[in-house]
Every structure is written in structure tokens, then in C-alpha cells.
N, C-alpha and C. Protein backbone atom coordinates (compact mmCIF):
# COMPACT_ATOMS: atom_id res chain seq x y z
N MET A 1 85.14 50.96 93.12
CA MET A 1 86.02 52.02 93.55
C MET A 1 86.38 52.96 92.42
N ILE A 2 86.71 52.43 91.27
CA ILE A 2 87.12 53.27 90.15
C ILE A 2 85.95 54.13 89.67
N SER A 3 84.76 53.60 89.64
CA SER A 3 83.61 54.38 89.18
C SER A 3 83.32 55.54 90.14
N LEU A 4 83.58 55.36 91.45
CA LEU A 4 83.38 56.45 92.40
C LEU A 4 84.38 57.58 92.15
N ALA A 5 85.59 57.24 91.82
CA ALA A 5 86.60 58.25 91.58
C ALA A 5 86.26 59.08 90.34
N HIS A 6 85.77 58.44 89.30
CA HIS A 6 85.37 59.17 88.09
C HIS A 6 84.18 60.08 88.38
N ALA A 7 83.30 59.65 89.19
CA ALA A 7 82.12 60.45 89.51
C ALA A 7 82.52 61.70 90.30
N GLN A 8 83.49 61.59 91.18
CA GLN A 8 83.91 62.75 91.96
C GLN A 8 84.63 63.78 91.09
N SER A 9 85.48 63.35 90.19
CA SER A 9 86.22 64.30 89.35
C SER A 9 85.28 64.99 88.36
N ALA A 10 84.29 64.34 87.88
CA ALA A 10 83.33 64.94 86.95
C ALA A 10 82.50 66.00 87.66
N ALA A 11 82.14 65.79 88.89
CA ALA A 11 81.34 66.77 89.63
C ALA A 11 82.17 68.00 89.94
N ALA A 12 83.44 67.83 90.26
CA ALA A 12 84.30 68.96 90.60
C ALA A 12 84.59 69.81 89.36
N ALA A 13 84.75 69.20 88.20
CA ALA A 13 85.05 69.94 86.98
C ALA A 13 83.84 70.70 86.48
N ALA A 14 82.66 70.30 86.82
CA ALA A 14 81.45 70.93 86.33
C ALA A 14 81.07 72.18 87.13
N ASP A 15 81.72 72.48 88.23
CA ASP A 15 81.37 73.61 89.08
C ASP A 15 82.13 74.87 88.64
N PRO A 16 81.48 75.82 87.94
CA PRO A 16 82.18 77.02 87.48
C PRO A 16 82.42 78.03 88.61
N MET A 17 81.70 77.97 89.68
CA MET A 17 81.87 78.92 90.79
C MET A 17 83.20 78.70 91.51
N SER A 18 83.68 77.49 91.56
CA SER A 18 84.94 77.24 92.25
C SER A 18 86.11 77.91 91.52
N SER A 19 86.10 77.93 90.20
CA SER A 19 87.18 78.59 89.46
C SER A 19 87.09 80.11 89.63
N LEU A 20 85.89 80.64 89.73
CA LEU A 20 85.72 82.08 89.94
C LEU A 20 86.20 82.49 91.33
N THR A 21 85.89 81.68 92.31
CA THR A 21 86.33 82.02 93.67
C THR A 21 87.85 81.87 93.82
N GLN A 22 88.46 81.02 93.02
CA GLN A 22 89.91 80.90 93.04
C GLN A 22 90.58 82.10 92.37
N MET A 23 89.96 82.67 91.37
CA MET A 23 90.52 83.81 90.65
C MET A 23 90.22 85.14 91.35
N LEU A 24 89.23 85.19 92.21
CA LEU A 24 88.82 86.43 92.86
C LEU A 24 89.94 87.10 93.66
N PRO A 25 90.73 86.41 94.48
CA PRO A 25 91.82 87.08 95.19
C PRO A 25 92.87 87.68 94.25
N LEU A 26 93.16 87.01 93.16
CA LEU A 26 94.12 87.52 92.19
C LEU A 26 93.60 88.80 91.54
N ILE A 27 92.34 88.81 91.18
CA ILE A 27 91.73 90.00 90.58
C ILE A 27 91.71 91.15 91.58
N LEU A 28 91.36 90.85 92.81
CA LEU A 28 91.32 91.86 93.86
C LEU A 28 92.71 92.45 94.12
N MET A 29 93.74 91.62 94.12
CA MET A 29 95.10 92.10 94.32
C MET A 29 95.53 93.02 93.18
N PHE A 30 95.16 92.69 91.95
CA PHE A 30 95.49 93.54 90.81
C PHE A 30 94.80 94.90 90.91
N VAL A 31 93.54 94.91 91.32
CA VAL A 31 92.81 96.18 91.46
C VAL A 31 93.45 97.05 92.54
N VAL A 32 93.81 96.48 93.66
CA VAL A 32 94.46 97.23 94.73
C VAL A 32 95.81 97.76 94.25
N LEU A 33 96.59 96.93 93.55
CA LEU A 33 97.87 97.34 93.00
C LEU A 33 97.70 98.51 92.03
N TRP A 34 96.68 98.47 91.20
CA TRP A 34 96.43 99.52 90.24
C TRP A 34 96.17 100.86 90.93
N PHE A 35 95.29 100.85 91.93
CA PHE A 35 94.91 102.11 92.58
C PHE A 35 95.96 102.63 93.55
N LEU A 36 96.79 101.77 94.12
CA LEU A 36 97.77 102.23 95.09
C LEU A 36 99.15 102.51 94.51
N MET A 37 99.51 101.87 93.39
CA MET A 37 100.86 102.04 92.87
C MET A 37 100.91 102.55 91.43
N ILE A 38 100.22 101.92 90.53
CA ILE A 38 100.38 102.23 89.11
C ILE A 38 99.74 103.57 88.76
N ARG A 39 98.53 103.80 89.21
CA ARG A 39 97.81 105.03 88.87
C ARG A 39 98.51 106.28 89.40
N PRO A 40 98.96 106.32 90.67
CA PRO A 40 99.67 107.52 91.13
C PRO A 40 100.98 107.78 90.38
N GLN A 41 101.70 106.73 90.00
CA GLN A 41 102.94 106.91 89.25
C GLN A 41 102.66 107.48 87.87
N MET A 42 101.59 107.03 87.24
CA MET A 42 101.23 107.56 85.93
C MET A 42 100.84 109.03 86.03
N LYS A 43 100.15 109.39 87.10
CA LYS A 43 99.75 110.78 87.31
C LYS A 43 100.97 111.67 87.53
N LYS A 44 101.92 111.20 88.33
CA LYS A 44 103.14 111.97 88.60
C LYS A 44 103.96 112.13 87.32
N ALA A 45 104.07 111.09 86.50
CA ALA A 45 104.81 111.17 85.25
C ALA A 45 104.16 112.17 84.29
N LYS A 46 102.85 112.20 84.27
CA LYS A 46 102.13 113.14 83.42
C LYS A 46 102.38 114.58 83.87
N GLU A 47 102.39 114.82 85.18
CA GLU A 47 102.66 116.16 85.71
C GLU A 47 104.09 116.59 85.39
N HIS A 48 105.06 115.67 85.50
CA HIS A 48 106.46 115.99 85.20
C HIS A 48 106.63 116.32 83.73
N LYS A 49 105.94 115.60 82.87
CA LYS A 49 106.01 115.86 81.43
C LYS A 49 105.45 117.25 81.12
N ALA A 50 104.36 117.63 81.78
CA ALA A 50 103.78 118.96 81.58
C ALA A 50 104.73 120.04 82.10
N LEU A 51 105.42 119.77 83.21
CA LEU A 51 106.38 120.72 83.77
C LEU A 51 107.51 120.96 82.78
N LEU A 52 108.02 119.91 82.17
CA LEU A 52 109.11 120.04 81.20
C LEU A 52 108.66 120.76 79.94
N ALA A 53 107.44 120.53 79.53
CA ALA A 53 106.94 121.18 78.32
C ALA A 53 106.74 122.68 78.54
N ALA A 54 106.48 123.08 79.78
CA ALA A 54 106.21 124.49 80.09
C ALA A 54 107.48 125.28 80.45
N LEU A 55 108.66 124.66 80.38
CA LEU A 55 109.90 125.36 80.72
C LEU A 55 110.15 126.51 79.75
N THR A 56 110.50 127.66 80.31
CA THR A 56 110.83 128.82 79.48
C THR A 56 112.09 129.48 80.03
N LYS A 57 112.65 130.36 79.23
CA LYS A 57 113.85 131.10 79.64
C LYS A 57 113.49 131.98 80.84
N GLY A 58 114.34 131.94 81.86
CA GLY A 58 114.11 132.73 83.06
C GLY A 58 113.51 131.95 84.21
N ASP A 59 113.04 130.74 83.96
CA ASP A 59 112.51 129.90 85.05
C ASP A 59 113.64 129.51 85.99
N GLU A 60 113.35 129.45 87.27
CA GLU A 60 114.33 129.02 88.27
C GLU A 60 114.04 127.57 88.60
N VAL A 61 115.06 126.71 88.44
CA VAL A 61 114.85 125.26 88.51
C VAL A 61 115.84 124.59 89.45
N VAL A 62 115.48 123.35 89.83
CA VAL A 62 116.36 122.48 90.60
C VAL A 62 116.52 121.20 89.79
N THR A 63 117.77 120.72 89.67
CA THR A 63 118.02 119.49 88.93
C THR A 63 118.06 118.30 89.88
N GLN A 64 118.14 117.10 89.32
CA GLN A 64 118.23 115.89 90.13
C GLN A 64 119.45 115.88 91.01
N GLY A 65 120.52 116.48 90.56
CA GLY A 65 121.76 116.52 91.33
C GLY A 65 121.77 117.59 92.40
N GLY A 66 120.70 118.39 92.47
CA GLY A 66 120.62 119.43 93.48
C GLY A 66 121.14 120.78 93.03
N ILE A 67 121.47 120.91 91.76
CA ILE A 67 121.95 122.19 91.24
C ILE A 67 120.76 123.12 91.07
N VAL A 68 120.91 124.34 91.59
CA VAL A 68 119.85 125.34 91.50
C VAL A 68 120.33 126.44 90.57
N GLY A 69 119.47 126.83 89.63
CA GLY A 69 119.87 127.89 88.70
C GLY A 69 118.70 128.41 87.91
N ARG A 70 119.02 129.30 86.99
CA ARG A 70 118.01 129.94 86.16
C ARG A 70 118.20 129.44 84.73
N VAL A 71 117.11 129.11 84.05
CA VAL A 71 117.16 128.61 82.68
C VAL A 71 117.55 129.76 81.76
N SER A 72 118.62 129.53 80.97
CA SER A 72 119.06 130.57 80.04
C SER A 72 118.74 130.20 78.59
N LYS A 73 118.55 128.92 78.31
CA LYS A 73 118.23 128.49 76.95
C LYS A 73 117.52 127.14 77.04
N VAL A 74 116.46 126.99 76.25
CA VAL A 74 115.69 125.74 76.23
C VAL A 74 115.77 125.15 74.83
N GLY A 75 116.24 123.90 74.75
CA GLY A 75 116.29 123.18 73.49
C GLY A 75 115.26 122.06 73.49
N ASP A 76 115.37 121.18 72.49
CA ASP A 76 114.43 120.05 72.41
C ASP A 76 114.65 119.05 73.54
N SER A 77 115.91 118.70 73.79
CA SER A 77 116.17 117.71 74.83
C SER A 77 117.17 118.18 75.88
N TYR A 78 117.75 119.38 75.69
CA TYR A 78 118.71 119.91 76.64
C TYR A 78 118.31 121.32 77.08
N VAL A 79 118.74 121.69 78.27
CA VAL A 79 118.46 123.01 78.84
C VAL A 79 119.76 123.58 79.37
N ASN A 80 120.04 124.84 79.08
CA ASN A 80 121.18 125.53 79.68
C ASN A 80 120.69 126.19 80.96
N VAL A 81 121.38 125.89 82.07
CA VAL A 81 121.01 126.44 83.37
C VAL A 81 122.17 127.31 83.85
N GLU A 82 121.88 128.57 84.13
CA GLU A 82 122.89 129.49 84.64
C GLU A 82 122.95 129.33 86.16
N ILE A 83 124.09 128.82 86.66
CA ILE A 83 124.21 128.56 88.10
C ILE A 83 124.93 129.69 88.81
N ALA A 84 125.65 130.52 88.07
CA ALA A 84 126.30 131.72 88.59
C ALA A 84 126.42 132.68 87.41
N THR A 85 126.72 133.92 87.69
CA THR A 85 126.84 134.90 86.62
C THR A 85 127.93 134.48 85.65
N GLY A 86 127.55 134.24 84.40
CA GLY A 86 128.49 133.84 83.37
C GLY A 86 128.82 132.36 83.36
N THR A 87 128.19 131.55 84.21
CA THR A 87 128.47 130.11 84.26
C THR A 87 127.21 129.32 83.91
N ASP A 88 127.25 128.69 82.74
CA ASP A 88 126.11 127.89 82.29
C ASP A 88 126.46 126.41 82.35
N VAL A 89 125.47 125.61 82.70
CA VAL A 89 125.61 124.15 82.72
C VAL A 89 124.53 123.60 81.81
N VAL A 90 124.90 122.65 80.96
CA VAL A 90 123.93 122.02 80.07
C VAL A 90 123.44 120.74 80.74
N VAL A 91 122.12 120.62 80.91
CA VAL A 91 121.53 119.42 81.50
C VAL A 91 120.42 118.90 80.59
N GLN A 92 120.14 117.62 80.71
CA GLN A 92 119.03 117.05 79.97
C GLN A 92 117.72 117.51 80.60
N LYS A 93 116.69 117.65 79.79
CA LYS A 93 115.40 118.10 80.30
C LYS A 93 114.84 117.22 81.42
N PRO A 94 114.89 115.88 81.28
CA PRO A 94 114.32 115.05 82.36
C PRO A 94 115.05 115.18 83.69
N ALA A 95 116.25 115.79 83.70
CA ALA A 95 116.99 115.96 84.95
C ALA A 95 116.43 117.09 85.80
N ILE A 96 115.55 117.90 85.23
CA ILE A 96 114.94 118.99 85.99
C ILE A 96 113.73 118.42 86.74
N VAL A 97 113.76 118.59 88.06
CA VAL A 97 112.71 117.98 88.88
C VAL A 97 111.75 118.98 89.49
N LEU A 98 112.14 120.27 89.53
CA LEU A 98 111.31 121.24 90.22
C LEU A 98 111.52 122.62 89.62
N VAL A 99 110.42 123.33 89.44
CA VAL A 99 110.49 124.73 89.03
C VAL A 99 110.15 125.56 90.26
N LEU A 100 111.08 126.42 90.65
CA LEU A 100 110.90 127.25 91.84
C LEU A 100 110.05 128.48 91.51
N PRO A 101 109.42 129.06 92.52
CA PRO A 101 108.67 130.30 92.30
C PRO A 101 109.62 131.43 91.86
N LYS A 102 109.11 132.35 91.06
CA LYS A 102 109.92 133.48 90.58
C LYS A 102 110.44 134.29 91.75
N GLY A 103 111.70 134.70 91.67
CA GLY A 103 112.30 135.51 92.71
C GLY A 103 112.96 134.72 93.83
N THR A 104 112.99 133.40 93.74
CA THR A 104 113.64 132.58 94.74
C THR A 104 115.14 132.79 94.74
N LEU A 105 115.72 132.87 93.55
CA LEU A 105 117.16 133.07 93.41
C LEU A 105 117.44 134.55 93.22
N LYS A 106 118.00 135.15 94.19
CA LYS A 106 118.31 136.58 94.08
C LYS A 106 119.79 136.82 93.81
N SER A 107 120.64 135.82 94.05
CA SER A 107 122.07 136.02 93.93
C SER A 107 122.57 135.94 92.50
N LEU A 108 121.77 135.43 91.57
CA LEU A 108 122.23 135.31 90.17
C LEU A 108 122.12 136.60 89.45
């Protein structure tokens, strides 16, 4: 009886295909996760970084809080946004989520 048990465990350990087939679902799940979640988020972050780098005075922007205004001054990490005539708000650059087309804000 004992010799049969040793023979069975030795045969199972020698089969490299069984370990590959066990790892295949895990590898497949990682590939699907990469293409459906990680890659699009990286692309969106890259586009947002380019948007922030291209900010200039006079751009019309929307912040995360929903404030709409015109950029009056651009610094390294902060932006002054004019929300009304003579009223400037200082916001961090990453808080700007959207640059509107020119001429969207006519009331400022």
C-alpha cells in the first residue's frame, strides 16, 4: 500500500502541464484586467496631464467643484480662475477637469 502511494505522488509531480493549466486562468484574468481597466485609466491620466500642461491665460475651464471661469494666471501648481469680473479664485492645477471651447463664457 505504501509503495503505491509513493508511486502516485511521483507521477503527479512530474507532470509540468498540470501546473501550466492551473496558472492559465490566472494569467488570462490578468490580461483581461489589463485591457479593460488599467490601460484605459493610464490613457485618461496621460490625456489629463497633457491638458494641464497646455493651459494658458484666457482658456475657459471647469473645475472639479463645477466652477466655470477663465484662466487669468498660470503657475507651476496653481491656477487663478476668474469666475466673475474682478473675482479670482486660486485652484490647484489637477482640480481642472475640462477646457471649454473659446467663446463659451460670454458673461465674463
